[in-house]
Amino acid sequence: MTASKYEVFIKVAELGGLTRAAAALGCTQSNVSHIINALEDEFGFPLFTRGRGGAKLTPDGQRVLPAVRAVVASTERLAQTVASLRGLDSGLVRIGAFSSVAVHWLPGMIKAFTEDYPNIEIGLSNGDYHDVEQWLSDGSIDLGFVTLPCSSDCKCIPLLEDRLLLVVPKTHRLAGRTECPITELEGENFISLLENSDQDMRKVLLRAGVNANIRYVTKDDYAMIAMVENGLGVSIMPELLLRGRTAEVSVVPLESHPTRTIALAVPDVSAESPCASRFAEYVQKWVAEKWNA
């Protein structure tokens, strides 16, 4: 069974449906169905339960998925190594990032990288902190932008100390302050990301002994800014996330000067990939030149 057929299995698992996988892969639904049936015959057990809502991994399918991912990743690394030895630069680098990095860093990084390596394909996955760490753990990505400490068992390269700032409506009592003690936030209504992703704000408040009255929760970083703008509460957000989006809110530095550490996580297997290693080098160089100069 070739790696391309394993890629079909992975795509169906990721998208939850044969039709959606066929559209993403640029082939017919019947072709995807044939490949999955052939895999199930070879393995000797069902990989998916199919219904009107799509295709869902069976328990056995869930167990083989990490091994299938490993086969595909190993095949890709082999192809990259062979291309490198032949003096060619081609392959795929799968990158996971949270919103602020995806918006403010990755476009510039990719532009610089592809100017030197136009034949290396970049695959992007955008999510929150929890998503990126999960993708690193299950092998869905080769490199991931994380904040430290990171729960994934990867080499983490620190890139930037990013300030955490108080964001309030323009009419708020704290708007316009040059600095705000965190203890003054006791009793405020907060707007937060999902609990497993909002490590920044919750850690800042916990260290200061402030009880977080979480009034609204969202998965979208930029929805938080819009909610603050409309007077629904306050929040604590990273400076990189707020870049270019503070016209309708007031941003106030916090007295204790908290930060988050943005890092690049490199799994052990990705360190062996010529393409992933090259991109990791570009990331460090780009941040040093653009942000740490």
C-alpha atoms as a PDB file:
ATOM      1  CA  MET A   1       0.000   0.000   0.000  1.00  0.00           C
ATOM      2  CA  THR A   2       1.632   3.268  -1.127  1.00  0.00           C
ATOM      3  CA  ALA A   3       2.031   6.399   0.995  1.00  0.00           C
ATOM      4  CA  SER A   4      -0.423   8.262  -1.256  1.00  0.00           C
ATOM      5  CA  LYS A   5      -3.179   5.874  -0.189  1.00  0.00           C
ATOM      6  CA  TYR A   6      -2.293   6.450   3.444  1.00  0.00           C
ATOM      7  CA  GLU A   7      -2.622  10.182   2.774  1.00  0.00           C
ATOM      8  CA  VAL A   8      -6.190   9.574   1.627  1.00  0.00           C
ATOM      9  CA  PHE A   9      -6.923   7.794   4.912  1.00  0.00           C
ATOM     10  CA  ILE A  10      -5.461  10.708   6.874  1.00  0.00           C
ATOM     11  CA  LYS A  11      -7.454  13.276   4.898  1.00  0.00           C
ATOM     12  CA  VAL A  12     -10.745  11.438   5.472  1.00  0.00           C
ATOM     13  CA  ALA A  13      -9.925  11.236   9.187  1.00  0.00           C
ATOM     14  CA  GLU A  14      -9.110  14.957   9.349  1.00  0.00           C
ATOM     15  CA  LEU A  15     -12.145  16.176   7.382  1.00  0.00           C
ATOM     16  CA  GLY A  16     -14.649  13.621   8.607  1.00  0.00           C
ATOM     17  CA  GLY A  17     -16.066  12.661   5.243  1.00  0.00           C
ATOM     18  CA  LEU A  18     -15.217  10.967   1.965  1.00  0.00           C
ATOM     19  CA  THR A  19     -16.750  13.715  -0.175  1.00  0.00           C
ATOM     20  CA  ARG A  20     -14.874  16.463   1.679  1.00  0.00           C
ATOM     21  CA  ALA A  21     -11.633  14.502   1.433  1.00  0.00           C
ATOM     22  CA  ALA A  22     -12.157  13.965  -2.313  1.00  0.00           C
ATOM     23  CA  ALA A  23     -12.652  17.699  -2.847  1.00  0.00           C
ATOM     24  CA  ALA A  24      -9.502  18.530  -0.873  1.00  0.00           C
ATOM     25  CA  LEU A  25      -7.451  15.922  -2.742  1.00  0.00           C
ATOM     26  CA  GLY A  26      -8.816  16.807  -6.180  1.00  0.00           C
ATOM     27  CA  CYS A  27     -10.209  13.367  -6.967  1.00  0.00           C
ATOM     28  CA  THR A  28     -13.603  11.676  -7.065  1.00  0.00           C
ATOM     29  CA  GLN A  29     -15.556  10.465  -4.061  1.00  0.00           C
ATOM     30  CA  SER A  30     -15.715   6.974  -5.584  1.00  0.00           C
ATOM     31  CA  ASN A  31     -11.902   6.882  -5.815  1.00  0.00           C
ATOM     32  CA  VAL A  32     -11.586   7.820  -2.138  1.00  0.00           C
ATOM     33  CA  SER A  33     -14.165   5.194  -1.211  1.00  0.00           C
ATOM     34  CA  HIS A  34     -12.292   2.548  -3.212  1.00  0.00           C
ATOM     35  CA  ILE A  35      -8.998   3.376  -1.464  1.00  0.00           C
ATOM     36  CA  ILE A  36     -10.565   3.238   2.012  1.00  0.00           C
ATOM     37  CA  ASN A  37     -12.264  -0.080   1.205  1.00  0.00           C
ATOM     38  CA  ALA A  38      -8.943  -1.485  -0.016  1.00  0.00           C
ATOM     39  CA  LEU A  39      -7.204  -0.370   3.193  1.00  0.00           C
ATOM     40  CA  GLU A  40      -9.931  -1.942   5.316  1.00  0.00           C
ATOM     41  CA  ASP A  41      -9.572  -5.201   3.380  1.00  0.00           C
ATOM     42  CA  GLU A  42      -5.805  -5.141   3.859  1.00  0.00           C
ATOM     43  CA  PHE A  43      -5.954  -4.338   7.577  1.00  0.00           C
ATOM     44  CA  GLY A  44      -8.837  -6.717   8.236  1.00  0.00           C
ATOM     45  CA  PHE A  45     -11.069  -4.319  10.169  1.00  0.00           C
ATOM     46  CA  PRO A  46     -13.230  -1.216   9.529  1.00  0.00           C
ATOM     47  CA  LEU A  47     -11.468   2.151   9.716  1.00  0.00           C
ATOM     48  CA  PHE A  48     -14.574   4.352   9.594  1.00  0.00           C
ATOM     49  CA  THR A  49     -18.239   4.247  10.426  1.00  0.00           C
ATOM     50  CA  ARG A  50     -20.120   5.930   7.599  1.00  0.00           C
ATOM     51  CA  GLY A  51     -23.381   7.814   7.992  1.00  0.00           C
ATOM     52  CA  ARG A  52     -25.316  10.816   6.764  1.00  0.00           C
ATOM     53  CA  GLY A  53     -23.067  13.052   8.835  1.00  0.00           C
ATOM     54  CA  GLY A  54     -19.867  11.801   7.206  1.00  0.00           C
ATOM     55  CA  ALA A  55     -17.188   9.296   8.197  1.00  0.00           C
ATOM     56  CA  LYS A  56     -15.998   8.817  11.765  1.00  0.00           C
ATOM     57  CA  LEU A  57     -12.936   6.840  12.809  1.00  0.00           C
ATOM     58  CA  THR A  58     -13.619   3.539  14.520  1.00  0.00           C
ATOM     59  CA  PRO A  59     -11.626   2.749  17.695  1.00  0.00           C
ATOM     60  CA  ASP A  60      -9.323   0.579  15.547  1.00  0.00           C
ATOM     61  CA  GLY A  61      -9.009   3.420  13.032  1.00  0.00           C
ATOM     62  CA  GLN A  62      -8.006   5.794  15.827  1.00  0.00           C
ATOM     63  CA  ARG A  63      -5.325   3.367  16.969  1.00  0.00           C
ATOM     64  CA  VAL A  64      -3.691   3.005  13.547  1.00  0.00           C
ATOM     65  CA  LEU A  65      -3.872   6.722  12.621  1.00  0.00           C
ATOM     66  CA  PRO A  66      -0.633   7.747  14.443  1.00  0.00           C
ATOM     67  CA  ALA A  67       1.273   4.886  12.796  1.00  0.00           C
ATOM     68  CA  VAL A  68      -0.092   5.835   9.376  1.00  0.00           C
ATOM     69  CA  ARG A  69       0.948   9.454   9.953  1.00  0.00           C
ATOM     70  CA  ALA A  70       4.435   8.226  10.863  1.00  0.00           C
ATOM     71  CA  VAL A  71       4.700   6.231   7.616  1.00  0.00           C
ATOM     72  CA  VAL A  72       3.686   9.252   5.520  1.00  0.00           C
ATOM     73  CA  ALA A  73       6.081  11.550   7.398  1.00  0.00           C
ATOM     74  CA  SER A  74       8.926   9.049   7.023  1.00  0.00           C
ATOM     75  CA  THR A  75       8.280   8.739   3.302  1.00  0.00           C
ATOM     76  CA  GLU A  76       8.322  12.535   2.952  1.00  0.00           C
ATOM     77  CA  ARG A  77      11.624  12.799   4.856  1.00  0.00           C
ATOM     78  CA  LEU A  78      13.145  10.120   2.614  1.00  0.00           C
ATOM     79  CA  ALA A  79      12.057  12.005  -0.517  1.00  0.00           C
ATOM     80  CA  GLN A  80      13.511  15.246   0.879  1.00  0.00           C
ATOM     81  CA  THR A  81      16.818  13.600   1.760  1.00  0.00           C
ATOM     82  CA  VAL A  82      17.136  12.059  -1.701  1.00  0.00           C
ATOM     83  CA  ALA A  83      16.295  15.419  -3.327  1.00  0.00           C
ATOM     84  CA  SER A  84      18.883  17.161  -1.132  1.00  0.00           C
ATOM     85  CA  LEU A  85      21.585  14.655  -2.088  1.00  0.00           C
ATOM     86  CA  ARG A  86      20.765  15.212  -5.755  1.00  0.00           C
ATOM     87  CA  GLY A  87      21.156  18.973  -5.298  1.00  0.00           C
ATOM     88  CA  LEU A  88      17.411  19.620  -5.442  1.00  0.00           C
ATOM     89  CA  ASP A  89      15.271  21.416  -2.898  1.00  0.00           C
ATOM     90  CA  SER A  90      11.715  20.142  -2.850  1.00  0.00           C
ATOM     91  CA  GLY A  91       9.228  18.762  -0.361  1.00  0.00           C
ATOM     92  CA  LEU A  92       6.562  19.808   2.109  1.00  0.00           C
ATOM     93  CA  VAL A  93       6.772  21.572   5.466  1.00  0.00           C
ATOM     94  CA  ARG A  94       3.619  21.440   7.601  1.00  0.00           C
ATOM     95  CA  ILE A  95       3.399  24.341  10.044  1.00  0.00           C
ATOM     96  CA  GLY A  96       0.976  24.953  12.907  1.00  0.00           C
ATOM     97  CA  ALA A  97       0.468  28.414  14.380  1.00  0.00           C
ATOM     98  CA  PHE A  98      -1.875  30.422  16.562  1.00  0.00           C
ATOM     99  CA  SER A  99      -3.592  33.511  15.149  1.00  0.00           C
ATOM    100  CA  SER A 100      -1.129  36.293  15.963  1.00  0.00           C
ATOM    101  CA  VAL A 101       1.816  34.401  14.453  1.00  0.00           C
ATOM    102  CA  ALA A 102      -0.256  33.264  11.454  1.00  0.00           C
ATOM    103  CA  VAL A 103      -1.291  36.865  10.722  1.00  0.00           C
ATOM    104  CA  HIS A 104       1.772  38.938  11.621  1.00  0.00           C
ATOM    105  CA  TRP A 105       4.748  36.594  11.160  1.00  0.00           C
ATOM    106  CA  LEU A 106       4.123  33.734   8.776  1.00  0.00           C
ATOM    107  CA  PRO A 107       3.390  35.746   5.593  1.00  0.00           C
ATOM    108  CA  GLY A 108       6.772  37.496   5.838  1.00  0.00           C
ATOM    109  CA  MET A 109       8.599  34.312   6.811  1.00  0.00           C
ATOM    110  CA  ILE A 110       7.085  32.332   3.948  1.00  0.00           C
ATOM    111  CA  LYS A 111       7.826  35.081   1.446  1.00  0.00           C
ATOM    112  CA  ALA A 112      11.502  35.148   2.424  1.00  0.00           C
ATOM    113  CA  PHE A 113      11.738  31.360   2.444  1.00  0.00           C
ATOM    114  CA  THR A 114      10.029  30.724  -0.897  1.00  0.00           C
ATOM    115  CA  GLU A 115      12.222  33.286  -2.639  1.00  0.00           C
ATOM    116  CA  ASP A 116      15.167  30.962  -1.916  1.00  0.00           C
ATOM    117  CA  TYR A 117      13.291  27.648  -2.028  1.00  0.00           C
ATOM    118  CA  PRO A 118      10.417  28.031  -4.516  1.00  0.00           C
ATOM    119  CA  ASN A 119       9.916  24.272  -4.869  1.00  0.00           C
ATOM    120  CA  ILE A 120       9.305  23.595  -1.174  1.00  0.00           C
ATOM    121  CA  GLU A 121       5.592  23.560  -0.406  1.00  0.00           C
ATOM    122  CA  ILE A 122       4.277  25.085   2.831  1.00  0.00           C
ATOM    123  CA  GLY A 123       1.185  23.623   4.493  1.00  0.00           C
ATOM    124  CA  LEU A 124      -0.456  25.812   7.143  1.00  0.00           C
ATOM    125  CA  SER A 125      -2.749  24.887  10.030  1.00  0.00           C
ATOM    126  CA  ASN A 126      -4.157  27.716  12.160  1.00  0.00           C
ATOM    127  CA  GLY A 127      -5.576  27.087  15.631  1.00  0.00           C
ATOM    128  CA  ASP A 128      -5.124  27.971  19.286  1.00  0.00           C
ATOM    129  CA  TYR A 129      -2.372  26.941  21.730  1.00  0.00           C
ATOM    130  CA  HIS A 130      -4.074  23.637  22.502  1.00  0.00           C
ATOM    131  CA  ASP A 131      -4.585  22.819  18.817  1.00  0.00           C
ATOM    132  CA  VAL A 132      -0.921  23.360  17.945  1.00  0.00           C
ATOM    133  CA  GLU A 133       0.311  21.194  20.821  1.00  0.00           C
ATOM    134  CA  GLN A 134      -2.133  18.450  19.808  1.00  0.00           C
ATOM    135  CA  TRP A 135      -0.930  18.596  16.188  1.00  0.00           C
ATOM    136  CA  LEU A 136       2.671  18.298  17.372  1.00  0.00           C
ATOM    137  CA  SER A 137       1.783  15.289  19.510  1.00  0.00           C
ATOM    138  CA  ASP A 138      -0.092  13.394  16.806  1.00  0.00           C
ATOM    139  CA  GLY A 139       2.363  14.194  14.008  1.00  0.00           C
ATOM    140  CA  SER A 140       0.005  16.384  11.964  1.00  0.00           C
ATOM    141  CA  ILE A 141       2.631  19.123  11.626  1.00  0.00           C
ATOM    142  CA  ASP A 142       6.414  19.295  11.264  1.00  0.00           C
ATOM    143  CA  LEU A 143       6.923  22.591  13.107  1.00  0.00           C
ATOM    144  CA  GLY A 144       4.697  24.445  15.547  1.00  0.00           C
ATOM    145  CA  PHE A 145       4.647  27.908  17.062  1.00  0.00           C
ATOM    146  CA  VAL A 146       3.955  27.529  20.780  1.00  0.00           C
ATOM    147  CA  THR A 147       4.252  29.442  24.030  1.00  0.00           C
ATOM    148  CA  LEU A 148       6.488  28.241  26.838  1.00  0.00           C
ATOM    149  CA  PRO A 149       6.242  26.030  28.710  1.00  0.00           C
ATOM    150  CA  CYS A 150       5.031  23.592  26.044  1.00  0.00           C
ATOM    151  CA  SER A 151       3.572  20.220  27.004  1.00  0.00           C
ATOM    152  CA  SER A 152       4.718  18.521  23.784  1.00  0.00           C
ATOM    153  CA  ASP A 153       7.955  16.530  23.833  1.00  0.00           C
ATOM    154  CA  CYS A 154       9.794  18.710  21.317  1.00  0.00           C
ATOM    155  CA  LYS A 155      12.873  20.859  21.102  1.00  0.00           C
ATOM    156  CA  CYS A 156      11.606  24.415  21.704  1.00  0.00           C
ATOM    157  CA  ILE A 157      13.525  27.416  20.374  1.00  0.00           C
ATOM    158  CA  PRO A 158      12.560  30.694  22.143  1.00  0.00           C
ATOM    159  CA  LEU A 159      11.886  33.491  19.660  1.00  0.00           C
ATOM    160  CA  LEU A 160      10.327  36.510  21.399  1.00  0.00           C
ATOM    161  CA  GLU A 161       9.137  37.836  24.759  1.00  0.00           C
ATOM    162  CA  ASP A 162       5.730  39.272  23.841  1.00  0.00           C
ATOM    163  CA  ARG A 163       4.150  41.745  26.292  1.00  0.00           C
ATOM    164  CA  LEU A 164       0.709  41.004  27.755  1.00  0.00           C
ATOM    165  CA  LEU A 165      -1.464  44.120  27.852  1.00  0.00           C
ATOM    166  CA  LEU A 166      -4.799  45.097  29.372  1.00  0.00           C
ATOM    167  CA  VAL A 167      -7.471  45.838  26.762  1.00  0.00           C
ATOM    168  CA  VAL A 168     -10.520  47.862  27.831  1.00  0.00           C
ATOM    169  CA  PRO A 169     -13.308  49.831  26.118  1.00  0.00           C
ATOM    170  CA  LYS A 170     -12.429  53.462  25.379  1.00  0.00           C
ATOM    171  CA  THR A 171     -15.005  54.617  27.934  1.00  0.00           C
ATOM    172  CA  HIS A 172     -13.675  52.351  30.704  1.00  0.00           C
ATOM    173  CA  ARG A 173     -12.421  53.838  33.987  1.00  0.00           C
ATOM    174  CA  LEU A 174      -8.916  52.474  33.296  1.00  0.00           C
ATOM    175  CA  ALA A 175      -8.691  53.737  29.707  1.00  0.00           C
ATOM    176  CA  GLY A 176      -5.783  56.100  29.143  1.00  0.00           C
ATOM    177  CA  ARG A 177      -3.772  54.963  32.172  1.00  0.00           C
ATOM    178  CA  THR A 178      -0.019  54.787  31.646  1.00  0.00           C
ATOM    179  CA  GLU A 179       0.059  51.634  33.747  1.00  0.00           C
ATOM    180  CA  CYS A 180      -2.395  49.508  35.732  1.00  0.00           C
ATOM    181  CA  PRO A 181      -1.868  47.323  38.814  1.00  0.00           C
ATOM    182  CA  ILE A 182      -3.378  43.910  38.171  1.00  0.00           C
ATOM    183  CA  THR A 183      -5.136  43.999  41.542  1.00  0.00           C
ATOM    184  CA  GLU A 184      -7.336  46.834  40.230  1.00  0.00           C
ATOM    185  CA  LEU A 185      -8.986  44.316  37.922  1.00  0.00           C
ATOM    186  CA  GLU A 186     -10.758  42.524  40.763  1.00  0.00           C
ATOM    187  CA  GLY A 187     -14.486  42.438  40.028  1.00  0.00           C
ATOM    188  CA  GLU A 188     -14.161  43.193  36.313  1.00  0.00           C
ATOM    189  CA  ASN A 189     -16.006  41.119  33.729  1.00  0.00           C
ATOM    190  CA  PHE A 190     -13.465  39.326  31.542  1.00  0.00           C
ATOM    191  CA  ILE A 191     -13.630  38.070  27.973  1.00  0.00           C
ATOM    192  CA  SER A 192     -11.561  34.922  27.549  1.00  0.00           C
ATOM    193  CA  LEU A 193     -10.510  32.268  25.093  1.00  0.00           C
ATOM    194  CA  LEU A 194     -11.364  28.648  25.865  1.00  0.00           C
ATOM    195  CA  GLU A 195      -9.831  27.596  29.178  1.00  0.00           C
ATOM    196  CA  ASN A 196      -7.281  25.203  27.658  1.00  0.00           C
ATOM    197  CA  SER A 197      -6.058  27.982  25.326  1.00  0.00           C
ATOM    198  CA  ASP A 198      -6.177  31.120  27.468  1.00  0.00           C
ATOM    199  CA  GLN A 199      -3.043  30.424  29.466  1.00  0.00           C
ATOM    200  CA  ASP A 200      -1.817  34.025  29.236  1.00  0.00           C
ATOM    201  CA  MET A 201      -4.617  35.938  30.953  1.00  0.00           C
ATOM    202  CA  ARG A 202      -5.451  33.269  33.506  1.00  0.00           C
ATOM    203  CA  LYS A 203      -1.819  32.931  34.623  1.00  0.00           C
ATOM    204  CA  VAL A 204      -1.433  36.700  35.033  1.00  0.00           C
ATOM    205  CA  LEU A 205      -4.578  36.970  37.161  1.00  0.00           C
ATOM    206  CA  LEU A 206      -3.740  33.853  39.188  1.00  0.00           C
ATOM    207  CA  ARG A 207      -0.259  35.123  40.072  1.00  0.00           C
ATOM    208  CA  ALA A 208      -1.764  38.414  41.252  1.00  0.00           C
ATOM    209  CA  GLY A 209      -4.455  36.670  43.299  1.00  0.00           C
ATOM    210  CA  VAL A 210      -7.252  38.214  41.232  1.00  0.00           C
ATOM    211  CA  ASN A 211     -10.429  36.184  40.770  1.00  0.00           C
ATOM    212  CA  ALA A 212     -11.290  36.060  37.075  1.00  0.00           C
ATOM    213  CA  ASN A 213     -14.986  36.730  36.524  1.00  0.00           C
ATOM    214  CA  ILE A 214     -15.172  35.177  33.039  1.00  0.00           C
ATOM    215  CA  ARG A 215     -18.323  36.609  31.459  1.00  0.00           C
ATOM    216  CA  TYR A 216     -17.820  35.510  27.837  1.00  0.00           C
ATOM    217  CA  VAL A 217     -15.719  32.778  26.221  1.00  0.00           C
ATOM    218  CA  THR A 218     -14.760  32.521  22.537  1.00  0.00           C
ATOM    219  CA  LYS A 219     -12.303  30.539  20.400  1.00  0.00           C
ATOM    220  CA  ASP A 220     -11.553  33.517  18.137  1.00  0.00           C
ATOM    221  CA  ASP A 221      -8.781  35.898  19.238  1.00  0.00           C
ATOM    222  CA  TYR A 222     -10.040  38.801  17.180  1.00  0.00           C
ATOM    223  CA  ALA A 223     -13.632  38.301  18.333  1.00  0.00           C
ATOM    224  CA  MET A 224     -12.314  39.119  21.814  1.00  0.00           C
ATOM    225  CA  ILE A 225     -11.141  42.534  20.633  1.00  0.00           C
ATOM    226  CA  ALA A 226     -14.525  43.242  19.047  1.00  0.00           C
ATOM    227  CA  MET A 227     -16.319  42.233  22.262  1.00  0.00           C
ATOM    228  CA  VAL A 228     -14.128  44.555  24.328  1.00  0.00           C
ATOM    229  CA  GLU A 229     -14.774  47.338  21.824  1.00  0.00           C
ATOM    230  CA  ASN A 230     -18.506  46.911  22.367  1.00  0.00           C
ATOM    231  CA  GLY A 231     -18.216  47.208  26.129  1.00  0.00           C
ATOM    232  CA  LEU A 232     -18.865  43.571  27.010  1.00  0.00           C
ATOM    233  CA  GLY A 233     -15.834  43.294  29.282  1.00  0.00           C
ATOM    234  CA  VAL A 234     -12.067  43.601  29.478  1.00  0.00           C
ATOM    235  CA  SER A 235      -9.256  41.226  28.588  1.00  0.00           C
ATOM    236  CA  ILE A 236      -5.509  40.685  28.753  1.00  0.00           C
ATOM    237  CA  MET A 237      -3.994  40.008  25.337  1.00  0.00           C
ATOM    238  CA  PRO A 238      -0.557  39.650  23.741  1.00  0.00           C
ATOM    239  CA  GLU A 239       0.939  42.707  22.045  1.00  0.00           C
ATOM    240  CA  LEU A 240       1.534  40.807  18.789  1.00  0.00           C
ATOM    241  CA  LEU A 241      -2.152  39.883  18.581  1.00  0.00           C
ATOM    242  CA  LEU A 242      -3.175  43.524  19.065  1.00  0.00           C
ATOM    243  CA  ARG A 243      -0.873  44.859  16.359  1.00  0.00           C
ATOM    244  CA  GLY A 244      -2.885  47.129  14.038  1.00  0.00           C
ATOM    245  CA  ARG A 245      -6.202  46.420  15.817  1.00  0.00           C
ATOM    246  CA  THR A 246      -6.331  48.897  18.693  1.00  0.00           C
ATOM    247  CA  ALA A 247      -8.094  51.866  17.074  1.00  0.00           C
ATOM    248  CA  GLU A 248     -11.400  51.248  18.854  1.00  0.00           C
ATOM    249  CA  VAL A 249     -10.112  50.044  22.240  1.00  0.00           C
ATOM    250  CA  SER A 250      -7.744  51.338  24.910  1.00  0.00           C
ATOM    251  CA  VAL A 251      -4.558  49.354  25.577  1.00  0.00           C
ATOM    252  CA  VAL A 252      -2.953  49.761  29.015  1.00  0.00           C
ATOM    253  CA  PRO A 253       0.414  48.305  30.121  1.00  0.00           C
ATOM    254  CA  LEU A 254       0.261  46.206  33.290  1.00  0.00           C
ATOM    255  CA  GLU A 255       2.363  47.182  36.286  1.00  0.00           C
ATOM    256  CA  SER A 256       4.131  43.827  36.636  1.00  0.00           C
ATOM    257  CA  HIS A 257       5.091  43.786  32.923  1.00  0.00           C
ATOM    258  CA  PRO A 258       3.998  40.170  32.203  1.00  0.00           C
ATOM    259  CA  THR A 259       4.984  38.512  28.932  1.00  0.00           C
ATOM    260  CA  ARG A 260       4.470  35.299  27.006  1.00  0.00           C
ATOM    261  CA  THR A 261       7.424  33.513  25.387  1.00  0.00           C
ATOM    262  CA  ILE A 262       6.780  32.589  21.759  1.00  0.00           C
ATOM    263  CA  ALA A 263       8.850  29.607  20.646  1.00  0.00           C
ATOM    264  CA  LEU A 264       9.237  27.280  17.685  1.00  0.00           C
ATOM    265  CA  ALA A 265       8.686  23.618  18.560  1.00  0.00           C
ATOM    266  CA  VAL A 266      10.635  21.082  16.492  1.00  0.00           C
ATOM    267  CA  PRO A 267       9.782  17.383  17.002  1.00  0.00           C
ATOM    268  CA  ASP A 268      12.744  14.989  16.917  1.00  0.00           C
ATOM    269  CA  VAL A 269      11.630  13.481  13.608  1.00  0.00           C
ATOM    270  CA  SER A 270      11.318  16.936  12.014  1.00  0.00           C
ATOM    271  CA  ALA A 271      14.919  17.743  12.932  1.00  0.00           C
ATOM    272  CA  GLU A 272      15.859  15.042  10.415  1.00  0.00           C
ATOM    273  CA  SER A 273      13.836  16.681   7.623  1.00  0.00           C
ATOM    274  CA  PRO A 274      15.970  18.909   5.369  1.00  0.00           C
ATOM    275  CA  CYS A 275      13.000  21.125   4.469  1.00  0.00           C
ATOM    276  CA  ALA A 276      11.768  21.538   8.061  1.00  0.00           C
ATOM    277  CA  SER A 277      15.301  22.270   9.276  1.00  0.00           C
ATOM    278  CA  ARG A 278      15.764  24.940   6.603  1.00  0.00           C
ATOM    279  CA  PHE A 279      12.468  26.601   7.466  1.00  0.00           C
ATOM    280  CA  ALA A 280      13.318  26.543  11.190  1.00  0.00           C
ATOM    281  CA  GLU A 281      16.550  28.384  10.393  1.00  0.00           C
ATOM    282  CA  TYR A 282      14.627  31.009   8.421  1.00  0.00           C
ATOM    283  CA  VAL A 283      12.178  31.502  11.289  1.00  0.00           C
ATOM    284  CA  GLN A 284      14.971  32.286  13.745  1.00  0.00           C
ATOM    285  CA  LYS A 285      16.730  34.594  11.304  1.00  0.00           C
ATOM    286  CA  TRP A 286      13.519  36.424  10.357  1.00  0.00           C
ATOM    287  CA  VAL A 287      12.457  37.080  13.969  1.00  0.00           C
ATOM    288  CA  ALA A 288      15.971  38.219  14.915  1.00  0.00           C
ATOM    289  CA  GLU A 289      16.075  40.689  12.029  1.00  0.00           C
ATOM    290  CA  LYS A 290      12.486  41.997  12.186  1.00  0.00           C
ATOM    291  CA  TRP A 291      11.652  41.890  15.908  1.00  0.00           C
ATOM    292  CA  ASN A 292      14.774  41.510  18.042  1.00  0.00           C
ATOM    293  CA  ALA A 293      17.015  43.961  16.184  1.00  0.00           C
END
